[in-house]
Amino acid sequence: MLGDLDAADVEAELRGGVVGRIGCLSSGRPYVVPVCYVYHEGCVYGHSMPGAKLTALSHDDTVCFEVENITDLSNWRSVIAWGTAELLQGSAARDGLNLLLDRLAPVLGPEFAAAHAAAHSGAEFTGTVYRIHLAEKTGRFETGSG
């Protein structure tokens, strides 16, 4: 059976994921890239080193964000959302990074503990933290015999 996710299920999929995809325009061409993320209060937070994604986001803040949960080809959930990205600085960047690290720490394991503790201590970090304000969200699912 195919269907639409209701608003609560869309929110649950966004909260439950750790890897999604950002779609944006880079030099006039569509550019889609996987990212680690955390979803918090209607926004997606991520971290990036300099490259095509940050260049694209700094030139055009309109983005699409996608996350999926696939058990098999007959059992999946997918959310697509649209919004605007902003590159964070100062305390907003630090807060966003801490949200992201708190979400990723259980997935990355003990070798990540030192970096996680350093980030929370206020140590300097490299790269850029971004926040995507999601304005429109939709989701689909399929369930079948698996």
C-alpha atoms as a PDB file:
ATOM      1  CA  MET A   1       0.000   0.000   0.000  1.00  0.00           C
ATOM      2  CA  LEU A   2       1.235   3.467  -0.914  1.00  0.00           C
ATOM      3  CA  GLY A   3       0.205   6.512   1.062  1.00  0.00           C
ATOM      4  CA  ASP A   4       0.959   9.928   2.467  1.00  0.00           C
ATOM      5  CA  LEU A   5       2.572  10.389   5.864  1.00  0.00           C
ATOM      6  CA  ASP A   6       0.601  12.586   8.239  1.00  0.00           C
ATOM      7  CA  ALA A   7       2.271  15.591   9.883  1.00  0.00           C
ATOM      8  CA  ALA A   8       3.220  13.637  13.030  1.00  0.00           C
ATOM      9  CA  ASP A   9       4.875  10.884  10.978  1.00  0.00           C
ATOM     10  CA  VAL A  10       6.773  13.469   8.899  1.00  0.00           C
ATOM     11  CA  GLU A  11       8.107  15.015  12.118  1.00  0.00           C
ATOM     12  CA  ALA A  12       9.035  11.572  13.484  1.00  0.00           C
ATOM     13  CA  GLU A  13      10.999  10.687  10.347  1.00  0.00           C
ATOM     14  CA  LEU A  14      12.890  13.984  10.448  1.00  0.00           C
ATOM     15  CA  ARG A  15      13.699  13.553  14.167  1.00  0.00           C
ATOM     16  CA  GLY A  16      14.706   9.910  13.758  1.00  0.00           C
ATOM     17  CA  GLY A  17      17.166  10.296  10.904  1.00  0.00           C
ATOM     18  CA  VAL A  18      20.871  11.102  11.012  1.00  0.00           C
ATOM     19  CA  VAL A  19      21.656  11.118   7.282  1.00  0.00           C
ATOM     20  CA  GLY A  20      19.685  13.138   4.768  1.00  0.00           C
ATOM     21  CA  ARG A  21      20.279  14.868   1.462  1.00  0.00           C
ATOM     22  CA  ILE A  22      20.402  18.548   0.647  1.00  0.00           C
ATOM     23  CA  GLY A  23      19.403  19.660  -2.825  1.00  0.00           C
ATOM     24  CA  CYS A  24      20.517  23.118  -3.933  1.00  0.00           C
ATOM     25  CA  LEU A  25      21.770  24.995  -6.976  1.00  0.00           C
ATOM     26  CA  SER A  26      25.498  25.092  -7.647  1.00  0.00           C
ATOM     27  CA  SER A  27      26.600  27.206 -10.608  1.00  0.00           C
ATOM     28  CA  GLY A  28      23.086  26.956 -12.034  1.00  0.00           C
ATOM     29  CA  ARG A  29      22.967  23.151 -11.820  1.00  0.00           C
ATOM     30  CA  PRO A  30      21.115  20.929  -9.343  1.00  0.00           C
ATOM     31  CA  TYR A  31      23.452  19.636  -6.655  1.00  0.00           C
ATOM     32  CA  VAL A  32      22.427  16.912  -4.190  1.00  0.00           C
ATOM     33  CA  VAL A  33      24.710  15.821  -1.382  1.00  0.00           C
ATOM     34  CA  PRO A  34      24.291  13.499   1.618  1.00  0.00           C
ATOM     35  CA  VAL A  35      24.772  15.102   5.037  1.00  0.00           C
ATOM     36  CA  CYS A  36      24.716  14.128   8.697  1.00  0.00           C
ATOM     37  CA  TYR A  37      22.114  16.237  10.463  1.00  0.00           C
ATOM     38  CA  VAL A  38      19.991  16.845  13.516  1.00  0.00           C
ATOM     39  CA  TYR A  39      16.400  18.065  13.382  1.00  0.00           C
ATOM     40  CA  HIS A  40      15.458  20.539  16.101  1.00  0.00           C
ATOM     41  CA  GLU A  41      12.436  22.825  16.422  1.00  0.00           C
ATOM     42  CA  GLY A  42      11.555  22.761  12.736  1.00  0.00           C
ATOM     43  CA  CYS A  43      15.118  23.208  11.496  1.00  0.00           C
ATOM     44  CA  VAL A  44      17.846  20.954  10.129  1.00  0.00           C
ATOM     45  CA  TYR A  45      21.367  21.611  11.458  1.00  0.00           C
ATOM     46  CA  GLY A  46      24.545  20.423   9.809  1.00  0.00           C
ATOM     47  CA  HIS A  47      28.272  21.092   9.620  1.00  0.00           C
ATOM     48  CA  SER A  48      30.432  21.377   6.536  1.00  0.00           C
ATOM     49  CA  MET A  49      33.976  22.097   5.518  1.00  0.00           C
ATOM     50  CA  PRO A  50      34.568  24.528   2.625  1.00  0.00           C
ATOM     51  CA  GLY A  51      33.406  23.184  -0.706  1.00  0.00           C
ATOM     52  CA  ALA A  52      30.645  23.137  -3.300  1.00  0.00           C
ATOM     53  CA  LYS A  53      27.811  22.832  -0.769  1.00  0.00           C
ATOM     54  CA  LEU A  54      28.809  25.906   1.247  1.00  0.00           C
ATOM     55  CA  THR A  55      29.500  27.885  -1.905  1.00  0.00           C
ATOM     56  CA  ALA A  56      26.061  26.988  -3.247  1.00  0.00           C
ATOM     57  CA  LEU A  57      24.307  27.809   0.043  1.00  0.00           C
ATOM     58  CA  SER A  58      26.046  31.178   0.271  1.00  0.00           C
ATOM     59  CA  HIS A  59      24.861  32.121  -3.246  1.00  0.00           C
ATOM     60  CA  ASP A  60      21.279  30.808  -3.083  1.00  0.00           C
ATOM     61  CA  ASP A  61      19.709  29.880   0.240  1.00  0.00           C
ATOM     62  CA  THR A  62      16.738  27.995  -1.258  1.00  0.00           C
ATOM     63  CA  VAL A  63      17.096  24.281  -0.577  1.00  0.00           C
ATOM     64  CA  CYS A  64      15.299  20.978  -0.619  1.00  0.00           C
ATOM     65  CA  PHE A  65      15.961  18.402   2.111  1.00  0.00           C
ATOM     66  CA  GLU A  66      15.212  14.670   1.915  1.00  0.00           C
ATOM     67  CA  VAL A  67      15.393  11.851   4.433  1.00  0.00           C
ATOM     68  CA  GLU A  68      14.371   8.236   3.957  1.00  0.00           C
ATOM     69  CA  ASN A  69      13.909   5.130   6.039  1.00  0.00           C
ATOM     70  CA  ILE A  70      14.102   2.013   3.862  1.00  0.00           C
ATOM     71  CA  THR A  71      13.529  -1.473   5.220  1.00  0.00           C
ATOM     72  CA  ASP A  72      13.265  -2.995   1.740  1.00  0.00           C
ATOM     73  CA  LEU A  73      11.842  -1.980  -1.641  1.00  0.00           C
ATOM     74  CA  SER A  74       8.273  -2.630  -0.443  1.00  0.00           C
ATOM     75  CA  ASN A  75       8.605  -1.024   3.003  1.00  0.00           C
ATOM     76  CA  TRP A  76       9.894   2.527   3.196  1.00  0.00           C
ATOM     77  CA  ARG A  77       9.158   6.075   4.333  1.00  0.00           C
ATOM     78  CA  SER A  78      10.445   9.243   2.699  1.00  0.00           C
ATOM     79  CA  VAL A  79      10.183  12.921   3.627  1.00  0.00           C
ATOM     80  CA  ILE A  80      10.917  15.853   1.352  1.00  0.00           C
ATOM     81  CA  ALA A  81      10.974  19.397   2.698  1.00  0.00           C
ATOM     82  CA  TRP A  82      11.722  22.828   1.291  1.00  0.00           C
ATOM     83  CA  GLY A  83      13.182  25.812   3.046  1.00  0.00           C
ATOM     84  CA  THR A  84      15.987  28.301   3.344  1.00  0.00           C
ATOM     85  CA  ALA A  85      19.504  27.809   4.637  1.00  0.00           C
ATOM     86  CA  GLU A  86      21.588  30.161   6.718  1.00  0.00           C
ATOM     87  CA  LEU A  87      25.254  29.938   7.606  1.00  0.00           C
ATOM     88  CA  LEU A  88      25.585  30.388  11.358  1.00  0.00           C
ATOM     89  CA  GLN A  89      28.194  32.312  13.306  1.00  0.00           C
ATOM     90  CA  GLY A  90      29.113  32.872  16.933  1.00  0.00           C
ATOM     91  CA  SER A  91      26.945  31.378  19.654  1.00  0.00           C
ATOM     92  CA  ALA A  92      24.302  30.248  17.135  1.00  0.00           C
ATOM     93  CA  ALA A  93      26.960  28.168  15.346  1.00  0.00           C
ATOM     94  CA  ARG A  94      28.214  26.733  18.647  1.00  0.00           C
ATOM     95  CA  ASP A  95      24.660  25.839  19.753  1.00  0.00           C
ATOM     96  CA  GLY A  96      23.933  24.218  16.385  1.00  0.00           C
ATOM     97  CA  LEU A  97      27.161  22.232  16.495  1.00  0.00           C
ATOM     98  CA  ASN A  98      26.371  20.994  20.004  1.00  0.00           C
ATOM     99  CA  LEU A  99      22.897  19.860  18.902  1.00  0.00           C
ATOM    100  CA  LEU A 100      24.468  17.998  16.001  1.00  0.00           C
ATOM    101  CA  LEU A 101      27.197  16.383  18.095  1.00  0.00           C
ATOM    102  CA  ASP A 102      24.728  15.326  20.792  1.00  0.00           C
ATOM    103  CA  ARG A 103      22.634  13.589  18.126  1.00  0.00           C
ATOM    104  CA  LEU A 104      25.591  11.921  16.399  1.00  0.00           C
ATOM    105  CA  ALA A 105      27.536  10.822  19.520  1.00  0.00           C
ATOM    106  CA  PRO A 106      25.554   7.577  20.044  1.00  0.00           C
ATOM    107  CA  VAL A 107      25.975   6.657  16.370  1.00  0.00           C
ATOM    108  CA  LEU A 108      29.693   7.458  16.064  1.00  0.00           C
ATOM    109  CA  GLY A 109      30.844   5.538  19.133  1.00  0.00           C
ATOM    110  CA  PRO A 110      33.535   5.975  21.780  1.00  0.00           C
ATOM    111  CA  GLU A 111      36.314   7.200  19.471  1.00  0.00           C
ATOM    112  CA  PHE A 112      34.165  10.313  18.966  1.00  0.00           C
ATOM    113  CA  ALA A 113      33.948  11.067  22.716  1.00  0.00           C
ATOM    114  CA  ALA A 114      36.994  13.372  22.840  1.00  0.00           C
ATOM    115  CA  ALA A 115      35.768  15.533  19.948  1.00  0.00           C
ATOM    116  CA  HIS A 116      32.296  15.662  21.480  1.00  0.00           C
ATOM    117  CA  ALA A 117      33.656  16.775  24.863  1.00  0.00           C
ATOM    118  CA  ALA A 118      35.950  19.368  23.258  1.00  0.00           C
ATOM    119  CA  ALA A 119      33.070  20.902  21.324  1.00  0.00           C
ATOM    120  CA  HIS A 120      30.972  21.250  24.464  1.00  0.00           C
ATOM    121  CA  SER A 121      33.920  22.820  26.299  1.00  0.00           C
ATOM    122  CA  GLY A 122      33.844  25.808  23.956  1.00  0.00           C
ATOM    123  CA  ALA A 123      36.986  24.841  22.019  1.00  0.00           C
ATOM    124  CA  GLU A 124      37.346  26.346  18.566  1.00  0.00           C
ATOM    125  CA  PHE A 125      36.080  24.267  15.675  1.00  0.00           C
ATOM    126  CA  THR A 126      36.710  24.322  11.957  1.00  0.00           C
ATOM    127  CA  GLY A 127      34.143  24.427   9.221  1.00  0.00           C
ATOM    128  CA  THR A 128      30.729  26.038   9.077  1.00  0.00           C
ATOM    129  CA  VAL A 129      27.481  25.183  10.831  1.00  0.00           C
ATOM    130  CA  TYR A 130      24.308  25.770   8.839  1.00  0.00           C
ATOM    131  CA  ARG A 131      20.623  25.766   9.707  1.00  0.00           C
ATOM    132  CA  ILE A 132      17.820  25.027   7.275  1.00  0.00           C
ATOM    133  CA  HIS A 133      14.435  26.495   8.215  1.00  0.00           C
ATOM    134  CA  LEU A 134      11.901  24.047   6.783  1.00  0.00           C
ATOM    135  CA  ALA A 135       8.793  25.834   5.523  1.00  0.00           C
ATOM    136  CA  GLU A 136       7.014  23.005   3.685  1.00  0.00           C
ATOM    137  CA  LYS A 137       7.184  19.254   4.375  1.00  0.00           C
ATOM    138  CA  THR A 138       5.606  16.225   2.787  1.00  0.00           C
ATOM    139  CA  GLY A 139       6.053  12.490   3.162  1.00  0.00           C
ATOM    140  CA  ARG A 140       5.155   9.227   1.480  1.00  0.00           C
ATOM    141  CA  PHE A 141       5.315   5.593   2.485  1.00  0.00           C
ATOM    142  CA  GLU A 142       4.893   2.108   1.146  1.00  0.00           C
ATOM    143  CA  THR A 143       4.070  -0.970   3.152  1.00  0.00           C
ATOM    144  CA  GLY A 144       3.846  -4.408   1.685  1.00  0.00           C
ATOM    145  CA  SER A 145       4.762  -7.968   2.355  1.00  0.00           C
ATOM    146  CA  GLY A 146       8.449  -8.109   2.992  1.00  0.00           C
END
